[in-house]
Protein backbone atom coordinates (compact mmCIF):
# COMPACT_ATOMS: atom_id res chain seq x y z
CA MET A 1 -0.46 0.11 0.25
CA THR A 2 1.66 3.48 -1.31
CA THR A 3 0.81 6.15 1.29
CA LEU A 4 1.70 9.75 1.25
CA ILE A 5 2.78 11.72 4.00
CA HIS A 6 0.88 15.53 5.62
CA HIS A 7 1.29 17.59 8.69
CA GLY A 8 -0.42 20.88 6.96
CA ASP A 9 2.36 23.25 7.14
CA LYS A 10 6.19 22.87 7.67
CA ALA A 11 7.49 22.91 10.89
CA ASN A 12 10.07 25.05 12.52
CA ILE A 13 12.18 23.93 14.24
CA VAL A 14 15.01 25.63 16.73
CA ARG A 15 17.91 23.65 18.16
CA GLY A 16 17.56 23.66 22.16
CA GLU A 17 13.86 23.19 22.10
CA ASP A 18 11.30 20.98 23.39
CA ARG A 19 9.28 19.34 20.40
CA THR A 20 6.33 18.38 20.11
CA LEU A 21 5.55 17.52 16.60
CA ILE A 22 2.00 15.80 15.32
CA LEU A 23 2.17 13.83 11.68
CA ARG A 24 -0.78 13.03 10.19
CA ILE A 25 -0.69 10.04 7.00
CA ILE A 26 -3.24 9.76 3.91
CA GLN A 27 -2.98 7.09 1.82
CA ALA A 28 -2.09 8.26 -1.14
CA LYS A 29 -4.69 6.64 -3.65
CA ASP A 30 -8.08 8.54 -2.67
CA GLY A 31 -6.53 10.72 0.41
CA GLU A 32 -8.02 9.14 3.73
CA PRO A 33 -6.27 9.10 6.56
CA TYR A 34 -4.01 5.97 6.55
CA ASP A 35 -5.74 3.76 9.25
CA LEU A 36 -3.04 3.02 12.51
CA THR A 37 -5.32 0.14 14.26
CA GLY A 38 -2.60 -2.93 14.91
CA VAL A 39 0.14 -1.05 14.86
CA THR A 40 2.36 -1.96 17.22
CA LYS A 41 5.48 -0.58 16.75
CA VAL A 42 6.68 3.49 15.38
CA THR A 43 9.58 4.17 14.39
CA ALA A 44 10.27 8.14 13.48
CA GLU A 45 14.07 8.74 11.67
CA PHE A 46 15.51 11.88 11.30
CA ARG A 47 18.82 13.56 10.14
CA THR A 48 21.11 14.50 12.80
CA SER A 49 24.50 16.94 11.53
CA LYS A 50 26.57 14.11 12.07
CA ASN A 51 24.76 12.55 9.56
CA ASN A 52 23.42 9.64 11.36
CA VAL A 53 20.44 9.08 12.21
CA LEU A 54 18.16 9.94 15.40
CA GLN A 55 15.41 7.31 15.94
CA LYS A 56 12.75 7.69 18.16
CA THR A 57 10.11 4.55 18.92
CA THR A 58 6.27 3.86 20.12
CA ASP A 59 9.08 1.69 22.44
CA LEU A 60 9.12 2.41 26.57
CA VAL A 61 12.63 4.04 27.71
CA GLY A 62 13.78 6.51 30.60
CA ASP A 63 12.38 4.79 33.53
CA VAL A 64 14.85 5.07 36.33
CA ALA A 65 14.59 5.01 40.53
CA ALA A 66 15.10 7.79 42.78
CA THR A 67 17.12 7.84 45.39
CA GLY A 68 18.41 10.06 47.79
CA VAL A 69 22.63 9.72 50.18
CA HIS A 70 22.38 10.28 53.67
CA ASP A 71 26.03 10.10 55.70
CA THR A 72 26.94 8.39 52.69
CA VAL A 73 24.92 5.83 52.08
CA THR A 74 22.13 5.66 49.05
CA PHE A 75 19.50 4.69 49.84
CA THR A 76 17.53 4.12 46.18
CA ALA A 77 13.02 3.21 45.86
CA ASP A 78 12.95 -0.31 44.67
CA ASN A 79 10.74 0.70 41.61
CA THR A 80 11.42 3.05 38.75
CA GLY A 81 8.76 6.22 37.81
CA THR A 82 8.38 8.59 40.15
CA ALA A 83 6.61 7.41 42.54
CA GLY A 84 10.36 6.84 44.81
CA ASN A 85 10.30 10.75 44.56
CA SER A 86 7.19 10.45 47.53
CA VAL A 87 9.97 8.17 49.70
CA SER A 88 10.26 10.16 52.92
CA LEU A 89 12.74 8.48 55.30
CA VAL A 90 12.43 10.32 59.14
CA PHE A 91 16.34 9.65 60.93
CA ASN A 92 16.55 10.19 63.93
CA GLY A 93 19.96 9.42 65.83
CA SER A 94 18.91 6.36 67.36
CA ASP A 95 17.39 4.03 65.20
CA ASP A 96 19.17 1.98 62.82
CA ILE A 97 18.92 1.86 58.65
CA ASP A 98 17.22 -1.47 59.12
CA ALA A 99 14.77 -0.08 62.04
CA VAL A 100 14.50 3.15 59.78
CA VAL A 101 14.09 1.53 56.11
CA ALA A 102 11.84 -1.26 57.64
CA ALA A 103 9.80 1.28 59.32
CA TRP A 104 9.20 2.19 55.82
CA ASN A 105 8.57 -0.47 54.30
CA GLY A 106 5.88 -2.14 56.26
CA ALA A 107 3.49 1.71 55.97
CA ASN A 108 4.31 1.56 52.07
CA PRO A 109 4.65 -2.04 50.81
CA GLY A 110 4.14 -0.16 47.33
CA ASN A 111 6.35 1.30 47.36
CA THR A 112 9.12 0.38 49.36
CA VAL A 113 13.59 1.24 49.49
CA SER A 114 17.12 -0.56 49.61
CA HIS A 115 20.30 0.95 50.91
CA ASP A 116 23.89 0.37 50.22
CA GLY A 117 25.15 0.21 53.71
CA THR A 118 24.65 -1.17 57.18
CA GLY A 119 21.74 -1.97 58.51
CA THR A 120 23.11 -1.62 61.99
CA THR A 121 24.55 1.77 61.27
CA VAL A 122 22.48 4.80 63.15
CA LEU A 123 22.86 7.90 60.88
CA THR A 124 22.68 11.49 62.46
CA ALA A 125 19.04 12.64 62.94
CA THR A 126 17.90 14.13 59.75
CA THR A 127 14.68 12.86 57.15
CA LEU A 128 15.71 12.41 54.23
CA ASN A 129 13.61 12.77 50.75
CA LEU A 130 14.81 10.56 47.73
CA THR A 131 14.25 12.16 44.43
CA GLY A 132 14.83 12.05 40.70
CA GLY A 133 12.98 8.65 40.12
CA LYS A 134 10.73 9.49 36.39
CA ASP A 135 8.21 7.93 34.96
CA PRO A 136 8.86 5.68 31.45
CA ILE A 137 7.61 7.18 27.96
CA ALA A 138 7.73 6.94 24.72
CA TYR A 139 8.81 9.37 22.55
CA VAL A 140 6.35 8.03 19.65
CA SER A 141 2.71 7.61 20.33
CA ILE A 142 -0.21 6.74 18.46
CA LEU A 143 -2.86 9.15 18.69
CA SER A 144 -6.05 7.87 19.06
CA PRO A 145 -8.49 7.23 17.67
CA ALA A 146 -6.00 5.01 14.65
CA VAL A 147 -8.03 5.42 12.04
CA LEU A 148 -7.80 9.60 11.45
CA GLY A 149 -3.48 8.27 11.29
CA LYS A 150 -2.29 10.54 13.43
CA VAL A 151 1.10 9.97 15.48
CA GLN A 152 2.82 12.12 17.10
CA VAL A 153 6.27 12.44 18.11
CA ILE A 154 8.36 14.63 21.01
CA LEU A 155 11.86 15.75 20.61
CA ASN A 156 13.54 16.77 23.98
CA GLU A 157 16.13 19.86 23.96
CA GLU A 158 19.01 17.62 23.45
CA ASP A 159 17.28 15.81 20.47
CA THR A 160 16.52 18.91 18.27
CA ASN A 161 20.44 19.80 19.61
CA SER A 162 21.41 17.60 17.80
CA LEU A 163 20.18 17.80 14.41
CA ARG A 164 21.17 19.13 11.23
CA LEU A 165 20.54 22.86 10.64
CA GLY A 166 18.91 23.80 6.85
CA LYS A 167 15.44 23.81 4.90
CA ASN A 168 13.49 21.60 3.58
CA GLN A 169 13.85 17.72 6.01
CA SER A 170 12.27 15.04 5.82
CA ILE A 171 11.39 12.82 8.47
CA ARG A 172 10.53 8.70 7.68
CA LEU A 173 8.81 6.70 9.78
CA PHE A 174 8.55 2.97 9.94
CA LEU A 175 4.77 1.55 11.11
CA ASP A 176 4.94 -2.11 11.87
CA THR A 177 2.64 -4.24 12.48
CA GLY A 178 3.70 -7.71 14.14
CA ALA A 179 7.47 -8.28 14.74
CA HIS A 180 9.46 -6.69 12.00
CA PRO A 181 11.07 -8.19 10.27
CA ASP A 182 8.29 -11.15 9.98
CA GLY A 183 5.46 -8.82 10.27
CA VAL A 184 4.02 -6.42 8.03
CA ARG A 185 6.43 -2.88 7.66
CA ARG A 186 5.35 0.38 5.97
CA VAL A 187 6.92 3.53 5.34
CA ALA A 188 5.82 6.65 5.16
CA LEU A 189 7.79 9.40 4.37
CA PHE A 190 6.92 13.71 5.22
CA ARG A 191 8.96 14.70 2.40
CA ASN A 192 10.33 18.51 3.15
CA LYS A 193 8.14 19.14 6.28
CA ILE A 194 10.25 20.46 8.90
CA ASP A 195 13.15 23.96 8.85
CA VAL A 196 16.02 23.06 11.57
CA ILE A 197 17.31 26.56 12.61
CA ASN A 198 19.99 27.75 15.36
CA ASN A 199 19.23 30.27 18.09
CA ASN A 200 21.57 32.63 18.02
CA LEU A 201 19.39 36.09 18.61
């Protein structure tokens, strides 16, 4: 099946910005939206300044566990994600690490914490709040309803900084139904649809 990509107006991307693109796929033969129902993976590709390919996919990436350090002991949420940012360990200067961690874990069985210290060590009095936990993100997603053929692509600051400067650049999408290479793959091209510019004044 031949497809044509249409994004309406050309998008300007400024290097160093966070940018979300909405890409609409329509079929060349009849101008109807390409039905993305059943597509199991979408991969978006951009050209970088080093002439490499920047890929963004529907795969979940980037989940990070929250951590905190107190008196050289590192405490880490057992589960990745933002829930670990709510871990708050209260050290009173008399209970040892094992007691403090057991108290938290007992009260919060779905949001437990571990440490790399010696459990019988007593740490100085303080309240330690874990930070830095991040939920996984898919940088590419199919927008609902899938029959409208719309795909969202998220580019962060690091991504836009890596893009090749210049006008009339293209984006390539791979649409996989089933596991590649045994499934069905369609390729959709957004030709001359983005201008990447520097952030100079």
